[in-house]
Amino acid sequence: MKSFQANCHPILIGSLPISDHHEATRLMFNYSSDIPLWVQLPVYREEGMIEQFLPGMPGLIKIDNKVFINTTDETYDMALVQFYEDYMSVTEKNTPLEQSRFALQQEHAKGFFVFLEELSQLNIKPIAVKGQITGPLTMATATHDQEGRAIFFNAQLKDVVIKLVALKAAYQVQQLSKFDTPVIIFFDEPAIASFGSTAFIGMSVDDINQALSEVFSTVHSMGAISGIHVCANADWSLVLNSGTRIVSFDAYSFFDRFILYAEDIRRFISNNGILAWGIVPTLSIADLEKENADSLTQNLLDKISLLANLGINRNQILQQSLISPSCGTGSLPLVLALKALELTKEISNNLIALCK
């Protein structure tokens, strides 16, 4: 697969507050034609962050809009065995990935298939294409069993989630690789920000590393690029040393805490890691309304200078940077969502010349 150079290009997170997948895809191409991606529309419940990627889980039950894993159902043990048989059949290449339970489905990911249609009609190849999926930690801590207990704390189900996420990411890589351009897969992991809290007692650093390592290595083994998106403050040493190629973070709100991990940042950059700077605020309407492209460009340049003061070459930082909203725009009013996309594009245009 062709090499990928970040060079301050824009990269989006993936959600929009509209109901038409074709319109959403056209908007996305308008604002991020260099690195286009498929769009998720949370107006549809089945495209929610967790529910969108749960199909294929053994024991999955939906009652009155409540989704959970029922481990007490008489069919559960057989379903669990069948899951591992299907997993082995795919990984041993006896069953095509696209014909397995790990393929995305129209009902839950229509935007993915609309995106494939649009990519097939492009005359000019983008510099990369992007997919995304909820990460294994977030998926396993936000999904519960029949007793309301997070399935992360069930060792068997945690393993199932990791393998489900890994192969659903692999399916995206397989389909997007057909367009002969680098493929990026972001794993959305807001749960990692809660590591160390009382709600996550029992989660260890080894748990995090093992889960992330398996999904990243699956993507890397197919020649694609992994990214992790965390839109809150976190233990950045865990994130920066997780083995991912791209770290996407809320640079607008949390840079002052991110920069405290100076040695980890230096190591990440020296190993050709890429920072996706979430410099366009999407988690605060007041912040988004008051900012403009010039103010945010200067804000980012000031922060890049602070990184350079840690002993990192400024040009290297720029060349290994992407410009991004701080998080998805699916919960914003449409006019502000479009402003966030426009600002991302304008900031990128302001900085691309500096990367050459």
Protein backbone atom coordinates (compact mmCIF):
# COMPACT_ATOMS: atom_id res chain seq x y z
CA MET A 1 0.00 0.00 0.00
CA LYS A 2 1.20 3.50 -0.81
CA SER A 3 2.87 5.52 1.94
CA PHE A 4 0.89 8.19 3.75
CA GLN A 5 2.08 11.71 4.59
CA ALA A 6 -0.05 13.74 7.00
CA ASN A 7 1.23 17.26 6.18
CA CYS A 8 -1.60 19.08 8.00
CA HIS A 9 -4.39 17.66 5.82
CA PRO A 10 -7.90 17.69 7.32
CA ILE A 11 -9.39 14.53 8.78
CA LEU A 12 -12.93 14.28 10.13
CA ILE A 13 -14.38 12.17 12.93
CA GLY A 14 -17.44 10.79 11.16
CA SER A 15 -20.87 11.87 12.41
CA LEU A 16 -23.28 14.50 11.05
CA PRO A 17 -26.69 15.71 12.31
CA ILE A 18 -28.68 14.95 9.16
CA SER A 19 -30.82 12.03 7.97
CA ASP A 20 -29.78 11.51 4.34
CA HIS A 21 -26.69 9.37 3.83
CA HIS A 22 -26.08 10.56 0.29
CA GLU A 23 -26.25 14.22 1.34
CA ALA A 24 -23.98 13.50 4.30
CA THR A 25 -21.43 11.83 2.04
CA ARG A 26 -21.47 14.73 -0.42
CA LEU A 27 -20.93 17.19 2.43
CA MET A 28 -18.06 15.12 3.74
CA PHE A 29 -16.35 15.08 0.33
CA ASN A 30 -16.79 18.84 0.10
CA TYR A 31 -14.90 19.44 3.33
CA SER A 32 -12.46 16.51 3.36
CA SER A 33 -11.75 15.37 -0.19
CA ASP A 34 -8.09 14.61 0.63
CA ILE A 35 -9.00 12.02 3.27
CA PRO A 36 -12.67 11.15 2.76
CA LEU A 37 -14.50 8.88 5.17
CA TRP A 38 -17.86 7.21 5.62
CA VAL A 39 -20.44 9.08 7.67
CA GLN A 40 -22.48 7.90 10.63
CA LEU A 41 -25.89 9.49 11.26
CA PRO A 42 -26.84 9.16 14.94
CA VAL A 43 -30.37 10.38 14.16
CA TYR A 44 -30.86 6.66 13.47
CA ARG A 45 -30.70 4.63 16.67
CA GLU A 46 -29.07 1.72 14.87
CA GLU A 47 -26.15 4.01 14.00
CA GLY A 48 -25.44 4.87 17.61
CA MET A 49 -21.85 4.52 18.72
CA ILE A 50 -22.37 1.16 20.44
CA GLU A 51 -25.35 -0.39 18.68
CA GLN A 52 -23.87 0.17 15.22
CA PHE A 53 -21.13 -2.41 15.70
CA LEU A 54 -22.78 -4.93 18.04
CA PRO A 55 -24.40 -7.21 15.41
CA GLY A 56 -22.55 -10.50 15.40
CA MET A 57 -22.21 -10.69 19.19
CA PRO A 58 -23.41 -13.99 20.68
CA GLY A 59 -26.34 -13.53 23.06
CA LEU A 60 -27.31 -10.13 21.65
CA ILE A 61 -30.86 -9.22 22.68
CA LYS A 62 -32.97 -6.13 21.99
CA ILE A 63 -36.08 -5.55 24.10
CA ASP A 64 -37.97 -2.24 24.10
CA ASN A 65 -34.98 -0.44 22.56
CA LYS A 66 -32.69 -1.86 25.24
CA VAL A 67 -29.76 -3.83 23.87
CA PHE A 68 -27.82 -6.26 26.04
CA ILE A 69 -26.07 -9.63 26.09
CA ASN A 70 -28.11 -12.43 27.65
CA THR A 71 -25.73 -15.08 28.95
CA THR A 72 -28.56 -17.01 30.61
CA ASP A 73 -30.43 -17.82 27.42
CA GLU A 74 -30.46 -21.55 26.64
CA THR A 75 -28.97 -20.86 23.21
CA TYR A 76 -26.08 -18.72 24.50
CA ASP A 77 -23.44 -21.44 24.90
CA MET A 78 -24.04 -22.72 21.38
CA ALA A 79 -23.97 -19.15 20.02
CA LEU A 80 -20.62 -18.59 21.76
CA VAL A 81 -19.15 -21.72 20.21
CA GLN A 82 -20.47 -20.69 16.80
CA PHE A 83 -18.85 -17.25 17.15
CA TYR A 84 -15.40 -18.77 17.69
CA GLU A 85 -15.93 -21.22 14.85
CA ASP A 86 -16.83 -18.34 12.55
CA TYR A 87 -13.82 -16.35 13.77
CA MET A 88 -11.45 -19.23 13.09
CA SER A 89 -12.99 -19.87 9.68
CA VAL A 90 -12.38 -16.26 8.64
CA THR A 91 -8.88 -15.96 10.09
CA GLU A 92 -7.87 -19.26 8.50
CA LYS A 93 -9.34 -17.97 5.21
CA ASN A 94 -11.92 -20.71 4.86
CA THR A 95 -14.76 -18.18 4.85
CA PRO A 96 -14.54 -14.84 2.96
CA LEU A 97 -14.66 -11.95 5.40
CA GLU A 98 -17.36 -10.21 3.37
CA GLN A 99 -19.62 -13.26 3.74
CA SER A 100 -19.20 -13.54 7.50
CA ARG A 101 -20.87 -12.09 10.57
CA PHE A 102 -18.00 -9.59 10.70
CA ALA A 103 -19.08 -7.69 7.58
CA LEU A 104 -20.87 -4.39 8.13
CA GLN A 105 -24.55 -4.44 7.23
CA GLN A 106 -26.67 -1.88 5.37
CA GLU A 107 -29.14 -1.63 8.25
CA HIS A 108 -26.49 -0.44 10.69
CA ALA A 109 -23.89 1.18 8.44
CA LYS A 110 -25.59 2.53 5.33
CA GLY A 111 -23.07 5.36 5.17
CA PHE A 112 -20.27 2.86 4.58
CA PHE A 113 -21.89 1.47 1.46
CA VAL A 114 -22.83 4.91 0.12
CA PHE A 115 -19.18 5.85 0.63
CA LEU A 116 -18.00 2.85 -1.39
CA GLU A 117 -20.32 3.89 -4.23
CA GLU A 118 -18.97 7.43 -4.23
CA LEU A 119 -15.34 6.27 -4.11
CA SER A 120 -15.89 4.08 -7.15
CA GLN A 121 -16.90 7.15 -9.16
CA LEU A 122 -13.95 9.41 -8.27
CA ASN A 123 -11.69 10.59 -11.06
CA ILE A 124 -8.88 11.67 -8.73
CA LYS A 125 -7.63 9.39 -5.98
CA PRO A 126 -7.55 10.87 -2.46
CA ILE A 127 -4.33 10.70 -0.48
CA ALA A 128 -6.03 8.23 1.90
CA VAL A 129 -9.47 6.95 2.86
CA LYS A 130 -10.77 6.59 6.41
CA GLY A 131 -13.02 4.20 8.24
CA GLN A 132 -13.87 4.11 11.92
CA ILE A 133 -15.25 1.82 14.58
CA THR A 134 -15.95 1.96 18.29
CA GLY A 135 -12.89 0.65 20.10
CA PRO A 136 -12.91 -2.59 22.12
CA LEU A 137 -12.59 -0.90 25.52
CA THR A 138 -15.52 1.42 24.92
CA MET A 139 -17.59 -1.33 23.33
CA ALA A 140 -17.00 -3.74 26.21
CA THR A 141 -17.55 -1.21 29.00
CA ALA A 142 -20.68 0.31 27.45
CA THR A 143 -22.36 -3.02 26.64
CA HIS A 144 -24.00 -4.88 29.52
CA ASP A 145 -25.29 -8.32 30.32
CA GLN A 146 -28.79 -9.16 31.56
CA GLU A 147 -27.82 -8.05 35.08
CA GLY A 148 -26.54 -4.67 33.96
CA ARG A 149 -22.87 -5.58 34.41
CA ALA A 150 -20.39 -4.32 31.82
CA ILE A 151 -19.27 -7.28 29.72
CA PHE A 152 -15.69 -6.04 29.93
CA PHE A 153 -15.58 -7.76 33.33
CA ASN A 154 -16.58 -11.09 31.81
CA ALA A 155 -13.29 -12.44 30.45
CA GLN A 156 -14.97 -14.54 27.77
CA LEU A 157 -17.17 -11.73 26.45
CA LYS A 158 -14.31 -9.24 26.60
CA ASP A 159 -12.35 -11.52 24.28
CA VAL A 160 -15.37 -11.83 21.98
CA VAL A 161 -15.71 -8.04 21.75
CA ILE A 162 -12.03 -7.61 20.92
CA LYS A 163 -12.24 -10.17 18.14
CA LEU A 164 -15.53 -8.75 16.82
CA VAL A 165 -14.07 -5.24 16.66
CA ALA A 166 -10.82 -6.46 15.11
CA LEU A 167 -12.55 -8.27 12.24
CA LYS A 168 -15.12 -5.53 11.64
CA ALA A 169 -12.17 -3.17 11.28
CA ALA A 170 -10.52 -5.72 8.98
CA TYR A 171 -13.65 -5.81 6.84
CA GLN A 172 -13.44 -2.05 6.38
CA VAL A 173 -9.77 -2.30 5.44
CA GLN A 174 -10.55 -5.05 2.93
CA GLN A 175 -13.27 -3.03 1.21
CA LEU A 176 -11.46 0.31 1.27
CA SER A 177 -8.19 -1.20 0.02
CA LYS A 178 -9.85 -1.82 -3.34
CA PHE A 179 -9.31 1.86 -4.18
CA ASP A 180 -5.50 1.61 -4.17
CA THR A 181 -4.83 4.36 -1.66
CA PRO A 182 -3.73 4.23 2.01
CA VAL A 183 -6.46 3.15 4.43
CA ILE A 184 -6.82 4.67 7.90
CA ILE A 185 -9.02 3.10 10.57
CA PHE A 186 -9.83 5.11 13.69
CA PHE A 187 -10.85 3.33 16.88
CA ASP A 188 -13.06 5.63 18.97
CA GLU A 189 -12.09 5.08 22.61
CA PRO A 190 -13.69 7.62 24.98
CA ALA A 191 -13.75 4.96 27.72
CA ILE A 192 -9.99 5.14 28.07
CA ALA A 193 -10.48 8.55 29.67
CA SER A 194 -12.22 6.84 32.59
CA PHE A 195 -9.32 4.53 33.36
CA GLY A 196 -8.51 4.78 37.06
CA SER A 197 -11.99 5.90 38.10
CA THR A 198 -14.10 3.93 40.56
CA ALA A 199 -16.35 2.77 37.72
CA PHE A 200 -13.38 0.97 36.15
CA ILE A 201 -11.85 -0.69 39.18
CA GLY A 202 -10.60 -4.01 37.90
CA MET A 203 -9.33 -2.67 34.59
CA SER A 204 -5.55 -2.86 34.36
CA VAL A 205 -2.97 -1.36 32.03
CA ASP A 206 -2.41 -4.87 30.70
CA ASP A 207 -6.12 -5.14 29.89
CA ILE A 208 -5.94 -1.95 27.87
CA ASN A 209 -2.74 -2.87 26.09
CA GLN A 210 -3.95 -6.34 25.20
CA ALA A 211 -7.25 -5.11 23.77
CA LEU A 212 -5.72 -2.32 21.72
CA SER A 213 -2.77 -4.42 20.56
CA GLU A 214 -5.03 -7.06 19.06
CA VAL A 215 -7.16 -4.63 17.05
CA PHE A 216 -4.21 -2.49 15.94
CA SER A 217 -2.16 -5.48 14.86
CA THR A 218 -5.09 -6.79 12.81
CA VAL A 219 -5.28 -3.49 10.91
CA HIS A 220 -1.50 -3.25 10.53
CA SER A 221 -1.24 -6.82 9.23
CA MET A 222 -3.42 -5.76 6.30
CA GLY A 223 -1.19 -2.81 5.45
CA ALA A 224 -3.52 -0.17 6.88
CA ILE A 225 -2.92 2.63 9.39
CA SER A 226 -4.49 2.60 12.84
CA GLY A 227 -5.64 5.64 14.75
CA ILE A 228 -7.15 6.11 18.19
CA HIS A 229 -9.57 8.93 18.95
CA VAL A 230 -10.03 10.11 22.54
CA CYS A 231 -12.10 13.26 22.95
CA ALA A 232 -11.53 13.77 26.68
CA ASN A 233 -8.56 13.94 28.99
CA ALA A 234 -6.79 10.63 29.52
CA ASP A 235 -3.61 8.98 30.69
CA TRP A 236 -1.80 10.00 27.51
CA SER A 237 1.13 7.71 28.21
CA LEU A 238 -1.25 4.78 27.65
CA VAL A 239 -2.55 6.28 24.42
CA LEU A 240 0.79 7.40 23.00
CA ASN A 241 2.43 4.04 23.77
CA SER A 242 -0.49 1.90 22.61
CA GLY A 243 1.10 1.01 19.27
CA THR A 244 -1.20 3.14 17.14
CA ARG A 245 0.13 5.28 14.29
CA ILE A 246 -2.26 8.23 14.82
CA VAL A 247 -3.42 9.81 18.08
CA SER A 248 -6.50 12.00 17.69
CA PHE A 249 -7.13 14.22 20.73
CA ASP A 250 -9.03 17.32 21.83
CA ALA A 251 -6.23 19.83 21.42
CA TYR A 252 -8.61 22.75 22.01
CA SER A 253 -9.57 21.76 25.56
CA PHE A 254 -6.91 19.37 26.84
CA PHE A 255 -3.57 20.36 25.34
CA ASP A 256 -2.39 21.72 28.69
CA ARG A 257 -2.66 18.20 30.11
CA PHE A 258 -1.51 16.40 26.99
CA ILE A 259 1.82 18.27 26.92
CA LEU A 260 2.64 17.04 30.43
CA TYR A 261 3.58 13.71 28.81
CA ALA A 262 6.65 15.22 27.16
CA GLU A 263 8.82 12.10 26.94
CA ASP A 264 5.94 10.01 25.57
CA ILE A 265 5.19 12.65 22.95
CA ARG A 266 8.84 12.86 21.90
CA ARG A 267 9.01 9.08 21.56
CA PHE A 268 5.75 8.96 19.59
CA ILE A 269 6.87 11.64 17.13
CA SER A 270 10.34 10.12 16.73
CA ASN A 271 8.69 6.81 15.81
CA ASN A 272 6.79 8.55 12.97
CA GLY A 273 3.58 8.86 14.96
CA ILE A 274 0.98 11.34 13.71
CA LEU A 275 -1.00 13.77 15.86
CA ALA A 276 -4.55 14.57 14.75
CA TRP A 277 -5.08 17.91 16.42
CA GLY A 278 -8.73 18.33 17.45
CA ILE A 279 -8.40 22.08 17.38
CA VAL A 280 -11.95 22.87 16.24
CA PRO A 281 -14.17 22.75 19.35
CA THR A 282 -17.29 20.65 18.86
CA LEU A 283 -18.12 19.79 22.49
CA SER A 284 -18.98 23.39 23.43
CA ILE A 285 -21.39 25.41 21.31
CA ALA A 286 -20.19 28.64 22.93
CA ASP A 287 -16.57 27.91 21.99
CA LEU A 288 -17.47 26.95 18.43
CA GLU A 289 -19.58 30.06 17.94
CA LYS A 290 -16.85 32.46 19.08
CA GLU A 291 -13.93 31.00 17.11
CA ASN A 292 -12.85 31.54 13.51
CA ALA A 293 -10.22 30.04 11.23
CA ASP A 294 -7.60 32.69 12.01
CA SER A 295 -8.01 32.43 15.79
CA LEU A 296 -7.83 28.64 15.72
CA THR A 297 -4.89 28.58 13.33
CA GLN A 298 -2.94 30.83 15.69
CA ASN A 299 -4.08 28.75 18.66
CA LEU A 300 -2.69 25.62 17.00
CA LEU A 301 0.57 27.25 15.94
CA ASP A 302 1.12 28.41 19.52
CA LYS A 303 0.64 24.86 20.75
CA ILE A 304 2.95 23.45 18.11
CA SER A 305 5.58 25.93 19.30
CA LEU A 306 5.18 24.64 22.84
CA LEU A 307 5.76 21.10 21.56
CA ALA A 308 8.83 22.30 19.68
CA ASN A 309 10.14 23.72 22.96
CA LEU A 310 10.26 20.13 24.22
CA GLY A 311 13.06 19.50 21.73
CA ILE A 312 10.93 18.26 18.82
CA ASN A 313 11.66 19.69 15.38
CA ARG A 314 8.85 22.07 14.43
CA ASN A 315 8.83 21.02 10.79
CA GLN A 316 8.60 17.39 11.82
CA ILE A 317 5.60 18.18 14.01
CA LEU A 318 3.85 19.92 11.12
CA GLN A 319 4.61 17.11 8.68
CA GLN A 320 3.25 14.57 11.17
CA SER A 321 0.07 16.48 11.94
CA LEU A 322 -3.52 16.26 10.80
CA ILE A 323 -6.20 18.90 11.43
CA SER A 324 -9.46 17.72 12.95
CA PRO A 325 -12.56 18.68 14.91
CA SER A 326 -12.20 17.78 18.58
CA CYS A 327 -14.98 15.20 18.25
CA GLY A 328 -17.87 14.26 15.95
CA THR A 329 -20.51 16.79 14.96
CA GLY A 330 -23.56 14.53 15.11
CA SER A 331 -25.00 16.18 18.23
CA LEU A 332 -24.61 19.77 16.98
CA PRO A 333 -27.17 21.93 15.17
CA LEU A 334 -26.51 21.52 11.44
CA VAL A 335 -25.34 25.10 10.95
CA LEU A 336 -22.67 24.64 13.62
CA ALA A 337 -21.71 21.20 12.37
CA LEU A 338 -21.02 22.72 8.96
CA LYS A 339 -19.08 25.54 10.59
CA ALA A 340 -16.87 22.96 12.32
CA LEU A 341 -16.18 21.23 9.01
CA GLU A 342 -15.46 24.51 7.25
CA LEU A 343 -13.09 25.62 10.01
CA THR A 344 -11.23 22.31 9.81
CA LYS A 345 -10.77 22.76 6.08
CA GLU A 346 -9.69 26.41 6.38
CA ILE A 347 -7.16 25.74 9.16
CA SER A 348 -5.70 22.92 7.09
CA ASN A 349 -5.40 25.22 4.07
CA ASN A 350 -3.65 27.80 6.27
CA LEU A 351 -1.07 25.27 7.42
CA ILE A 352 -0.42 22.98 4.44
CA ALA A 353 2.02 25.45 2.92
CA LEU A 354 4.10 25.33 6.11
CA CYS A 355 4.57 21.57 5.72
CA LYS A 356 6.48 21.84 2.44
